[in-house]
């Protein structure tokens, strides 16, 4: 489980590995995103293994949108591809 702190300034994550040897710290400022909106600071508790499985579904050129409500009980992942898929 990892907590993602979301605020108007961006996203931040701090987590320990399972052996409690290494600390991982990640900060993504709002400038790193094409479009970023956060109306209220909140904490999202996510299982990192599940997030990794979801992110593996994305293609290299896909864009990703994350969305949740003000009182989050779920986080929505939306992938969009720029590739045109031929209709058969």
N, C-alpha and C. Protein backbone atom coordinates (compact mmCIF):
# COMPACT_ATOMS: atom_id res chain seq x y z
N UNK A 1 0.85 -1.18 0.00
CA UNK A 1 0.00 0.00 0.00
C UNK A 1 0.90 1.24 0.00
N UNK A 2 0.49 2.20 -0.77
CA UNK A 2 1.21 3.47 -0.84
C UNK A 2 0.19 4.60 -0.80
N UNK A 3 0.56 5.68 -0.15
CA UNK A 3 -0.30 6.86 -0.13
C UNK A 3 0.22 7.87 -1.13
N UNK A 4 -0.68 8.36 -1.97
CA UNK A 4 -0.35 9.42 -2.93
C UNK A 4 -0.99 10.69 -2.40
N UNK A 5 -0.16 11.67 -2.09
CA UNK A 5 -0.63 12.97 -1.62
C UNK A 5 -0.89 13.84 -2.84
N UNK A 6 -2.12 14.32 -2.98
CA UNK A 6 -2.52 15.13 -4.13
C UNK A 6 -2.87 16.52 -3.64
N UNK A 7 -2.31 17.54 -4.29
CA UNK A 7 -2.62 18.92 -3.94
C UNK A 7 -2.60 19.77 -5.20
N UNK A 8 -2.86 21.03 -5.06
CA UNK A 8 -2.84 21.93 -6.21
C UNK A 8 -1.44 22.06 -6.79
N UNK A 9 -0.42 21.67 -6.03
CA UNK A 9 0.97 21.76 -6.49
C UNK A 9 1.46 20.52 -7.20
N UNK A 10 0.68 19.41 -7.13
CA UNK A 10 1.09 18.18 -7.81
C UNK A 10 0.85 16.94 -6.97
N UNK A 11 1.55 15.85 -7.34
CA UNK A 11 1.42 14.57 -6.65
C UNK A 11 2.74 14.23 -5.97
N UNK A 12 2.66 13.57 -4.81
CA UNK A 12 3.88 13.09 -4.18
C UNK A 12 3.63 11.73 -3.54
N UNK A 13 4.66 10.90 -3.58
CA UNK A 13 4.59 9.55 -3.03
C UNK A 13 5.87 9.31 -2.24
N UNK A 14 5.72 8.72 -1.07
CA UNK A 14 6.86 8.21 -0.32
C UNK A 14 6.50 6.81 0.13
N UNK A 15 7.42 5.86 -0.12
CA UNK A 15 7.14 4.47 0.24
C UNK A 15 8.44 3.75 0.55
N UNK A 16 8.35 2.75 1.41
CA UNK A 16 9.48 1.89 1.74
C UNK A 16 9.33 0.59 0.97
N UNK A 17 10.46 -0.03 0.64
CA UNK A 17 10.40 -1.36 0.05
C UNK A 17 9.97 -2.36 1.12
N UNK A 18 9.66 -3.58 0.70
CA UNK A 18 9.11 -4.57 1.64
C UNK A 18 10.08 -4.96 2.74
N UNK A 19 11.39 -4.80 2.52
CA UNK A 19 12.39 -5.11 3.55
C UNK A 19 12.72 -3.90 4.42
N UNK A 20 12.10 -2.77 4.13
CA UNK A 20 12.34 -1.51 4.85
C UNK A 20 13.81 -1.09 4.79
N UNK A 21 14.41 -1.26 3.61
CA UNK A 21 15.79 -0.88 3.39
C UNK A 21 15.86 0.40 2.57
N UNK A 22 15.01 0.51 1.55
CA UNK A 22 15.08 1.65 0.64
C UNK A 22 13.81 2.50 0.74
N UNK A 23 14.00 3.80 0.71
CA UNK A 23 12.89 4.74 0.69
C UNK A 23 12.78 5.32 -0.72
N UNK A 24 11.58 5.26 -1.27
CA UNK A 24 11.33 5.83 -2.59
C UNK A 24 10.53 7.10 -2.40
N UNK A 25 10.97 8.17 -3.03
CA UNK A 25 10.27 9.44 -2.96
C UNK A 25 10.09 9.96 -4.38
N UNK A 26 8.85 10.26 -4.74
CA UNK A 26 8.53 10.74 -6.09
C UNK A 26 7.66 11.97 -5.97
N UNK A 27 8.04 13.03 -6.66
CA UNK A 27 7.25 14.26 -6.70
C UNK A 27 7.02 14.60 -8.16
N UNK A 28 5.75 14.74 -8.53
CA UNK A 28 5.37 15.19 -9.87
C UNK A 28 4.65 16.52 -9.71
N UNK A 29 5.33 17.60 -10.07
CA UNK A 29 4.73 18.92 -9.95
C UNK A 29 3.67 19.12 -11.02
N UNK A 30 2.75 20.04 -10.77
CA UNK A 30 1.65 20.27 -11.71
C UNK A 30 2.15 20.65 -13.09
N UNK A 31 3.33 21.25 -13.17
CA UNK A 31 3.91 21.63 -14.47
C UNK A 31 4.28 20.42 -15.33
N UNK A 32 4.41 19.25 -14.71
CA UNK A 32 4.78 18.04 -15.44
C UNK A 32 3.63 17.48 -16.27
N UNK A 33 2.43 17.98 -16.04
CA UNK A 33 1.23 17.48 -16.70
C UNK A 33 0.77 18.44 -17.79
N UNK A 34 0.16 17.89 -18.84
CA UNK A 34 -0.44 18.72 -19.88
C UNK A 34 -1.59 19.53 -19.30
N UNK A 35 -2.40 18.87 -18.48
CA UNK A 35 -3.53 19.52 -17.81
C UNK A 35 -3.60 18.96 -16.40
N UNK A 36 -3.66 19.81 -15.40
CA UNK A 36 -3.70 19.37 -14.01
C UNK A 36 -4.68 20.24 -13.23
N UNK A 37 -5.60 19.59 -12.53
CA UNK A 37 -6.55 20.31 -11.69
C UNK A 37 -6.74 19.53 -10.39
N UNK A 38 -6.62 20.23 -9.29
CA UNK A 38 -6.91 19.64 -7.97
C UNK A 38 -7.59 20.72 -7.14
N UNK A 39 -8.86 20.50 -6.83
CA UNK A 39 -9.64 21.51 -6.10
C UNK A 39 -9.45 21.40 -4.59
N UNK A 40 -9.02 20.23 -4.13
CA UNK A 40 -8.92 20.00 -2.69
C UNK A 40 -7.81 18.98 -2.43
N UNK A 41 -6.91 19.28 -1.50
CA UNK A 41 -5.84 18.34 -1.17
C UNK A 41 -6.44 17.07 -0.57
N UNK A 42 -5.89 15.92 -0.97
CA UNK A 42 -6.38 14.65 -0.44
C UNK A 42 -5.30 13.59 -0.53
N UNK A 43 -5.53 12.48 0.14
CA UNK A 43 -4.62 11.35 0.14
C UNK A 43 -5.32 10.16 -0.47
N UNK A 44 -4.65 9.54 -1.46
CA UNK A 44 -5.18 8.35 -2.11
C UNK A 44 -4.35 7.16 -1.67
N UNK A 45 -4.98 6.17 -1.06
CA UNK A 45 -4.29 4.95 -0.66
C UNK A 45 -4.45 3.90 -1.74
N UNK A 46 -3.34 3.49 -2.34
CA UNK A 46 -3.39 2.55 -3.46
C UNK A 46 -2.43 1.39 -3.24
N UNK A 47 -2.81 0.23 -3.75
CA UNK A 47 -1.90 -0.91 -3.76
C UNK A 47 -1.02 -0.77 -4.99
N UNK A 48 0.26 -0.59 -4.77
CA UNK A 48 1.17 -0.29 -5.86
C UNK A 48 1.24 -1.41 -6.90
N UNK A 49 1.07 -2.66 -6.46
CA UNK A 49 1.08 -3.77 -7.41
C UNK A 49 -0.09 -3.66 -8.39
N UNK A 50 -1.25 -3.25 -7.90
CA UNK A 50 -2.41 -3.08 -8.78
C UNK A 50 -2.21 -1.91 -9.74
N UNK A 51 -1.63 -0.83 -9.25
CA UNK A 51 -1.36 0.32 -10.12
C UNK A 51 -0.37 -0.09 -11.22
N UNK A 52 0.64 -0.87 -10.87
CA UNK A 52 1.62 -1.32 -11.86
C UNK A 52 0.94 -2.16 -12.94
N UNK A 53 0.02 -3.04 -12.57
CA UNK A 53 -0.71 -3.86 -13.55
C UNK A 53 -1.53 -2.98 -14.49
N UNK A 54 -2.17 -1.96 -13.94
CA UNK A 54 -2.99 -1.06 -14.76
C UNK A 54 -2.10 -0.29 -15.73
N UNK A 55 -0.97 0.24 -15.25
CA UNK A 55 -0.10 1.05 -16.10
C UNK A 55 0.53 0.23 -17.22
N UNK A 56 0.69 -1.08 -17.03
CA UNK A 56 1.23 -1.94 -18.08
C UNK A 56 0.28 -2.06 -19.27
N UNK A 57 -0.98 -1.69 -19.09
CA UNK A 57 -1.94 -1.74 -20.18
C UNK A 57 -1.74 -0.61 -21.18
N UNK A 58 -1.03 0.42 -20.79
CA UNK A 58 -0.84 1.60 -21.64
C UNK A 58 0.19 1.35 -22.72
N UNK A 59 -0.05 1.95 -23.89
CA UNK A 59 0.94 1.95 -24.95
C UNK A 59 1.93 3.08 -24.74
N UNK A 60 3.06 3.03 -25.44
CA UNK A 60 4.09 4.06 -25.28
C UNK A 60 3.62 5.46 -25.61
N UNK A 61 2.69 5.59 -26.55
CA UNK A 61 2.23 6.90 -26.98
C UNK A 61 0.87 7.29 -26.41
N UNK A 62 0.33 6.48 -25.50
CA UNK A 62 -0.98 6.77 -24.91
C UNK A 62 -0.89 7.91 -23.92
N UNK A 63 -1.96 8.66 -23.80
CA UNK A 63 -2.06 9.65 -22.73
C UNK A 63 -2.90 9.04 -21.61
N UNK A 64 -2.64 9.47 -20.40
CA UNK A 64 -3.30 8.91 -19.22
C UNK A 64 -3.99 10.03 -18.47
N UNK A 65 -5.26 9.80 -18.12
CA UNK A 65 -6.01 10.73 -17.28
C UNK A 65 -6.37 10.01 -15.99
N UNK A 66 -6.07 10.64 -14.85
CA UNK A 66 -6.46 10.13 -13.55
C UNK A 66 -7.56 11.03 -13.02
N UNK A 67 -8.60 10.43 -12.44
CA UNK A 67 -9.72 11.22 -11.96
C UNK A 67 -10.30 10.58 -10.71
N UNK A 68 -10.63 11.42 -9.73
CA UNK A 68 -11.35 10.93 -8.54
C UNK A 68 -12.26 12.04 -8.03
N UNK A 69 -13.16 11.67 -7.17
CA UNK A 69 -14.11 12.61 -6.59
C UNK A 69 -13.46 13.33 -5.39
N UNK A 70 -14.14 14.34 -4.84
CA UNK A 70 -13.63 15.07 -3.68
C UNK A 70 -13.48 14.17 -2.46
N UNK A 71 -14.36 13.22 -2.30
CA UNK A 71 -14.26 12.22 -1.23
C UNK A 71 -13.99 10.88 -1.92
N UNK A 72 -12.73 10.61 -2.27
CA UNK A 72 -12.43 9.49 -3.16
C UNK A 72 -12.64 8.12 -2.53
N UNK A 73 -13.37 7.30 -3.23
CA UNK A 73 -13.48 5.88 -2.88
C UNK A 73 -12.92 5.04 -4.01
N UNK A 74 -12.63 5.71 -5.14
CA UNK A 74 -12.01 5.03 -6.28
C UNK A 74 -11.22 6.04 -7.10
N UNK A 75 -10.29 5.51 -7.87
CA UNK A 75 -9.49 6.33 -8.78
C UNK A 75 -9.69 5.78 -10.18
N UNK A 76 -10.07 6.64 -11.10
CA UNK A 76 -10.31 6.22 -12.48
C UNK A 76 -9.05 6.47 -13.32
N UNK A 77 -8.68 5.46 -14.10
CA UNK A 77 -7.58 5.56 -15.05
C UNK A 77 -8.19 5.53 -16.44
N UNK A 78 -7.88 6.53 -17.27
CA UNK A 78 -8.37 6.54 -18.65
C UNK A 78 -7.18 6.71 -19.60
N UNK A 79 -7.01 5.71 -20.46
CA UNK A 79 -5.95 5.74 -21.46
C UNK A 79 -6.55 6.16 -22.79
N UNK A 80 -5.84 7.02 -23.51
CA UNK A 80 -6.27 7.43 -24.84
C UNK A 80 -5.11 7.26 -25.80
N UNK A 81 -5.42 6.67 -26.94
CA UNK A 81 -4.41 6.43 -27.94
C UNK A 81 -4.55 7.43 -29.08
N UNK A 82 -3.44 7.88 -29.61
CA UNK A 82 -3.45 8.78 -30.77
C UNK A 82 -3.48 7.98 -32.06
N UNK A 83 -3.21 6.68 -31.96
CA UNK A 83 -3.19 5.83 -33.15
C UNK A 83 -4.61 5.63 -33.68
N UNK A 84 -4.73 5.62 -34.97
CA UNK A 84 -6.02 5.33 -35.59
C UNK A 84 -6.07 3.84 -35.85
N UNK A 85 -7.09 3.20 -35.33
CA UNK A 85 -7.27 1.76 -35.50
C UNK A 85 -8.19 1.54 -36.69
N UNK A 86 -7.74 0.78 -37.68
CA UNK A 86 -8.58 0.56 -38.87
C UNK A 86 -9.82 -0.25 -38.52
N UNK A 87 -10.91 0.11 -39.15
CA UNK A 87 -12.16 -0.63 -38.97
C UNK A 87 -12.19 -1.73 -40.03
N UNK A 88 -12.40 -2.92 -39.58
CA UNK A 88 -12.42 -4.07 -40.50
C UNK A 88 -13.84 -4.50 -40.78
